[in-house]
C-alpha atoms as a PDB file:
ATOM      1  CA  UNK A   1     -24.977 -72.167  25.426  1.00  0.00           C
ATOM      2  CA  UNK A   2     -27.956 -74.235  24.422  1.00  0.00           C
ATOM      3  CA  UNK A   3     -29.849 -77.365  25.381  1.00  0.00           C
ATOM      4  CA  UNK A   4     -28.336 -80.362  23.602  1.00  0.00           C
ATOM      5  CA  UNK A   5     -29.840 -83.341  25.490  1.00  0.00           C
ATOM      6  CA  UNK A   6     -32.550 -84.218  27.966  1.00  0.00           C
ATOM      7  CA  UNK A   7     -33.309 -87.305  29.999  1.00  0.00           C
ATOM      8  CA  UNK A   8     -36.775 -87.635  31.503  1.00  0.00           C
ATOM      9  CA  UNK A   9     -36.977 -89.744  34.677  1.00  0.00           C
ATOM     10  CA  UNK A  10     -40.497 -90.826  35.726  1.00  0.00           C
ATOM     11  CA  UNK A  11     -42.144 -88.833  32.911  1.00  0.00           C
ATOM     12  CA  UNK A  12     -40.724 -85.519  34.119  1.00  0.00           C
ATOM     13  CA  UNK A  13     -40.952 -84.021  30.635  1.00  0.00           C
ATOM     14  CA  UNK A  14     -44.669 -84.841  30.385  1.00  0.00           C
ATOM     15  CA  UNK A  15     -45.308 -83.291  33.800  1.00  0.00           C
ATOM     16  CA  UNK A  16     -43.435 -80.133  32.780  1.00  0.00           C
ATOM     17  CA  UNK A  17     -45.404 -79.856  29.530  1.00  0.00           C
ATOM     18  CA  UNK A  18     -48.593 -79.783  31.593  1.00  0.00           C
ATOM     19  CA  UNK A  19     -47.346 -76.751  33.562  1.00  0.00           C
ATOM     20  CA  UNK A  20     -48.169 -74.089  30.969  1.00  0.00           C
ATOM     21  CA  UNK A  21     -45.100 -71.960  30.220  1.00  0.00           C
ATOM     22  CA  UNK A  22     -42.562 -73.445  32.651  1.00  0.00           C
ATOM     23  CA  UNK A  23     -40.689 -75.544  30.078  1.00  0.00           C
ATOM     24  CA  UNK A  24     -40.636 -72.650  27.610  1.00  0.00           C
ATOM     25  CA  UNK A  25     -39.220 -70.379  30.336  1.00  0.00           C
ATOM     26  CA  UNK A  26     -36.439 -72.862  31.100  1.00  0.00           C
ATOM     27  CA  UNK A  27     -35.564 -73.107  27.405  1.00  0.00           C
ATOM     28  CA  UNK A  28     -35.488 -69.303  27.043  1.00  0.00           C
ATOM     29  CA  UNK A  29     -33.293 -68.925  30.118  1.00  0.00           C
ATOM     30  CA  UNK A  30     -30.615 -71.486  29.276  1.00  0.00           C
ATOM     31  CA  UNK A  31     -30.531 -71.090  25.481  1.00  0.00           C
ATOM     32  CA  UNK A  32     -28.231 -68.094  25.723  1.00  0.00           C
ATOM     33  CA  UNK A  33     -25.794 -67.683  22.810  1.00  0.00           C
ATOM     34  CA  UNK A  34     -23.743 -65.020  24.626  1.00  0.00           C
ATOM     35  CA  UNK A  35     -22.812 -67.438  27.428  1.00  0.00           C
ATOM     36  CA  UNK A  36     -20.210 -70.025  26.459  1.00  0.00           C
ATOM     37  CA  UNK A  37     -18.391 -72.666  28.454  1.00  0.00           C
ATOM     38  CA  UNK A  38     -14.656 -72.135  28.255  1.00  0.00           C
ATOM     39  CA  UNK A  39     -15.055 -68.398  27.643  1.00  0.00           C
ATOM     40  CA  UNK A  40     -17.353 -67.334  30.473  1.00  0.00           C
ATOM     41  CA  UNK A  41     -16.389 -68.426  33.997  1.00  0.00           C
ATOM     42  CA  UNK A  42     -18.880 -70.633  35.914  1.00  0.00           C
ATOM     43  CA  UNK A  43     -19.556 -67.772  38.375  1.00  0.00           C
ATOM     44  CA  UNK A  44     -20.389 -65.428  35.509  1.00  0.00           C
ATOM     45  CA  UNK A  45     -22.688 -67.996  33.879  1.00  0.00           C
ATOM     46  CA  UNK A  46     -24.471 -68.668  37.172  1.00  0.00           C
ATOM     47  CA  UNK A  47     -24.891 -64.964  37.877  1.00  0.00           C
ATOM     48  CA  UNK A  48     -26.466 -64.244  34.489  1.00  0.00           C
ATOM     49  CA  UNK A  49     -28.678 -67.343  34.659  1.00  0.00           C
ATOM     50  CA  UNK A  50     -29.823 -66.335  38.177  1.00  0.00           C
ATOM     51  CA  UNK A  51     -30.873 -62.916  36.882  1.00  0.00           C
ATOM     52  CA  UNK A  52     -32.839 -64.496  34.049  1.00  0.00           C
ATOM     53  CA  UNK A  53     -34.681 -66.884  36.401  1.00  0.00           C
ATOM     54  CA  UNK A  54     -35.431 -64.036  38.816  1.00  0.00           C
ATOM     55  CA  UNK A  55     -36.738 -61.815  35.996  1.00  0.00           C
ATOM     56  CA  UNK A  56     -39.320 -64.524  35.250  1.00  0.00           C
ATOM     57  CA  UNK A  57     -40.476 -64.753  38.860  1.00  0.00           C
ATOM     58  CA  UNK A  58     -38.533 -67.801  40.052  1.00  0.00           C
ATOM     59  CA  UNK A  59     -37.526 -67.893  43.714  1.00  0.00           C
ATOM     60  CA  UNK A  60     -33.808 -68.486  44.101  1.00  0.00           C
ATOM     61  CA  UNK A  61     -32.072 -70.367  46.893  1.00  0.00           C
ATOM     62  CA  UNK A  62     -35.295 -72.130  47.876  1.00  0.00           C
ATOM     63  CA  UNK A  63     -34.886 -73.891  51.227  1.00  0.00           C
ATOM     64  CA  UNK A  64     -35.216 -77.643  51.578  1.00  0.00           C
ATOM     65  CA  UNK A  65     -37.420 -78.024  54.631  1.00  0.00           C
ATOM     66  CA  UNK A  66     -36.050 -76.471  57.819  1.00  0.00           C
ATOM     67  CA  UNK A  67     -32.442 -77.119  56.822  1.00  0.00           C
ATOM     68  CA  UNK A  68     -29.785 -74.787  55.505  1.00  0.00           C
ATOM     69  CA  UNK A  69     -29.854 -76.734  52.219  1.00  0.00           C
ATOM     70  CA  UNK A  70     -31.221 -74.990  49.134  1.00  0.00           C
ATOM     71  CA  UNK A  71     -31.987 -75.647  45.506  1.00  0.00           C
ATOM     72  CA  UNK A  72     -31.242 -73.088  42.816  1.00  0.00           C
ATOM     73  CA  UNK A  73     -34.806 -72.099  41.829  1.00  0.00           C
ATOM     74  CA  UNK A  74     -38.459 -72.841  42.589  1.00  0.00           C
ATOM     75  CA  UNK A  75     -41.697 -71.904  40.828  1.00  0.00           C
ATOM     76  CA  UNK A  76     -45.108 -73.558  40.409  1.00  0.00           C
ATOM     77  CA  UNK A  77     -43.960 -76.718  42.228  1.00  0.00           C
ATOM     78  CA  UNK A  78     -40.972 -77.131  39.910  1.00  0.00           C
ATOM     79  CA  UNK A  79     -37.550 -77.282  41.550  1.00  0.00           C
ATOM     80  CA  UNK A  80     -34.419 -76.507  39.549  1.00  0.00           C
ATOM     81  CA  UNK A  81     -30.810 -77.283  40.403  1.00  0.00           C
ATOM     82  CA  UNK A  82     -28.340 -75.487  38.117  1.00  0.00           C
ATOM     83  CA  UNK A  83     -25.090 -77.368  38.674  1.00  0.00           C
ATOM     84  CA  UNK A  84     -21.743 -76.204  37.308  1.00  0.00           C
ATOM     85  CA  UNK A  85     -19.711 -77.653  40.185  1.00  0.00           C
ATOM     86  CA  UNK A  86     -18.133 -80.927  41.240  1.00  0.00           C
ATOM     87  CA  UNK A  87     -19.959 -84.094  40.216  1.00  0.00           C
ATOM     88  CA  UNK A  88     -20.518 -84.974  43.887  1.00  0.00           C
ATOM     89  CA  UNK A  89     -22.958 -82.072  44.160  1.00  0.00           C
ATOM     90  CA  UNK A  90     -25.346 -83.767  41.707  1.00  0.00           C
ATOM     91  CA  UNK A  91     -26.025 -86.482  44.279  1.00  0.00           C
ATOM     92  CA  UNK A  92     -26.936 -83.819  46.815  1.00  0.00           C
ATOM     93  CA  UNK A  93     -29.198 -82.219  44.187  1.00  0.00           C
ATOM     94  CA  UNK A  94     -31.012 -85.531  43.638  1.00  0.00           C
ATOM     95  CA  UNK A  95     -31.517 -85.946  47.383  1.00  0.00           C
ATOM     96  CA  UNK A  96     -32.779 -82.382  47.822  1.00  0.00           C
ATOM     97  CA  UNK A  97     -35.272 -82.753  44.959  1.00  0.00           C
ATOM     98  CA  UNK A  98     -36.411 -86.145  46.286  1.00  0.00           C
ATOM     99  CA  UNK A  99     -37.029 -84.662  49.741  1.00  0.00           C
ATOM    100  CA  UNK A 100     -38.954 -81.725  48.282  1.00  0.00           C
ATOM    101  CA  UNK A 101     -41.026 -84.156  46.213  1.00  0.00           C
ATOM    102  CA  UNK A 102     -41.748 -86.329  49.242  1.00  0.00           C
ATOM    103  CA  UNK A 103     -42.875 -83.239  51.201  1.00  0.00           C
ATOM    104  CA  UNK A 104     -45.092 -82.164  48.257  1.00  0.00           C
ATOM    105  CA  UNK A 105     -43.166 -78.925  47.731  1.00  0.00           C
ATOM    106  CA  UNK A 106     -42.440 -79.908  44.109  1.00  0.00           C
ATOM    107  CA  UNK A 107     -44.126 -82.135  41.541  1.00  0.00           C
ATOM    108  CA  UNK A 108     -41.070 -82.332  39.317  1.00  0.00           C
ATOM    109  CA  UNK A 109     -37.399 -81.454  39.477  1.00  0.00           C
ATOM    110  CA  UNK A 110     -34.882 -80.316  36.893  1.00  0.00           C
ATOM    111  CA  UNK A 111     -31.117 -80.656  37.080  1.00  0.00           C
ATOM    112  CA  UNK A 112     -29.206 -78.593  34.515  1.00  0.00           C
ATOM    113  CA  UNK A 113     -25.580 -79.576  33.857  1.00  0.00           C
ATOM    114  CA  UNK A 114     -22.995 -79.100  31.108  1.00  0.00           C
ATOM    115  CA  UNK A 115     -22.450 -81.752  28.472  1.00  0.00           C
ATOM    116  CA  UNK A 116     -19.280 -83.872  28.660  1.00  0.00           C
ATOM    117  CA  UNK A 117     -17.006 -81.671  26.515  1.00  0.00           C
ATOM    118  CA  UNK A 118     -18.190 -78.452  28.192  1.00  0.00           C
ATOM    119  CA  UNK A 119     -17.768 -80.031  31.627  1.00  0.00           C
ATOM    120  CA  UNK A 120     -14.114 -80.738  30.855  1.00  0.00           C
ATOM    121  CA  UNK A 121     -13.671 -77.064  29.949  1.00  0.00           C
ATOM    122  CA  UNK A 122     -14.653 -76.213  33.534  1.00  0.00           C
ATOM    123  CA  UNK A 123     -12.126 -78.609  35.065  1.00  0.00           C
ATOM    124  CA  UNK A 124     -11.640 -82.148  36.299  1.00  0.00           C
ATOM    125  CA  UNK A 125     -14.522 -84.117  37.802  1.00  0.00           C
ATOM    126  CA  UNK A 126     -17.234 -81.537  37.153  1.00  0.00           C
ATOM    127  CA  UNK A 127     -20.913 -82.425  36.819  1.00  0.00           C
ATOM    128  CA  UNK A 128     -21.864 -83.566  33.339  1.00  0.00           C
ATOM    129  CA  UNK A 129     -24.950 -84.760  31.503  1.00  0.00           C
ATOM    130  CA  UNK A 130     -23.997 -88.289  30.378  1.00  0.00           C
ATOM    131  CA  UNK A 131     -22.828 -89.385  33.797  1.00  0.00           C
ATOM    132  CA  UNK A 132     -25.818 -87.920  35.638  1.00  0.00           C
ATOM    133  CA  UNK A 133     -28.393 -89.367  33.222  1.00  0.00           C
ATOM    134  CA  UNK A 134     -26.751 -92.811  33.416  1.00  0.00           C
ATOM    135  CA  UNK A 135     -26.654 -92.768  37.197  1.00  0.00           C
ATOM    136  CA  UNK A 136     -30.269 -91.674  37.551  1.00  0.00           C
ATOM    137  CA  UNK A 137     -31.232 -94.590  35.266  1.00  0.00           C
ATOM    138  CA  UNK A 138     -29.146 -96.916  37.451  1.00  0.00           C
ATOM    139  CA  UNK A 139     -31.012 -95.816  40.600  1.00  0.00           C
ATOM    140  CA  UNK A 140     -34.426 -95.461  38.977  1.00  0.00           C
ATOM    141  CA  UNK A 141     -36.047 -97.769  41.537  1.00  0.00           C
ATOM    142  CA  UNK A 142     -35.147 -95.518  44.461  1.00  0.00           C
ATOM    143  CA  UNK A 143     -35.296 -92.017  42.966  1.00  0.00           C
ATOM    144  CA  UNK A 144     -38.994 -91.371  43.446  1.00  0.00           C
ATOM    145  CA  UNK A 145     -39.400 -87.834  42.116  1.00  0.00           C
ATOM    146  CA  UNK A 146     -39.702 -87.036  38.403  1.00  0.00           C
ATOM    147  CA  UNK A 147     -36.471 -85.354  37.294  1.00  0.00           C
ATOM    148  CA  UNK A 148     -35.610 -83.862  33.938  1.00  0.00           C
ATOM    149  CA  UNK A 149     -31.859 -83.794  33.332  1.00  0.00           C
ATOM    150  CA  UNK A 150     -30.868 -81.077  30.873  1.00  0.00           C
ATOM    151  CA  UNK A 151     -27.468 -81.096  29.200  1.00  0.00           C
ATOM    152  CA  UNK A 152     -26.009 -77.811  27.951  1.00  0.00           C
ATOM    153  CA  UNK A 153     -23.388 -77.313  25.264  1.00  0.00           C
ATOM    154  CA  UNK A 154     -21.869 -74.420  23.381  1.00  0.00           C
END
């Protein structure tokens, strides 16, 4: 899989570029030619991606405040949600990142999702790049944390 699209809400990409190697780390982690949608199961992809984030010092399952809610990864005030599940989970991801931004835990968030074709390989109504980017644009006045949406394809 590889990065095929990005959407930068509230200059998220610029903020990430100012954080030394963070953006390069993300690119190295998700640009993985051995992992392919439709061949590798979502659980297998998540497991391998988790190992790669952990190897680079990212905290996984970072708590959102005092709740039982978590985001996928956290490092240097960057929160990452790696979403290969139902599209409804992307709304929860936006809320979690917004809360962490409001509480000054993160400066910028990233949501990583499959592209439209790859999403359909996972099943019906799975998270996908085009829909998420469009909906973040639609709610741009109320989503107050910079978020970079990354779309992955084979």
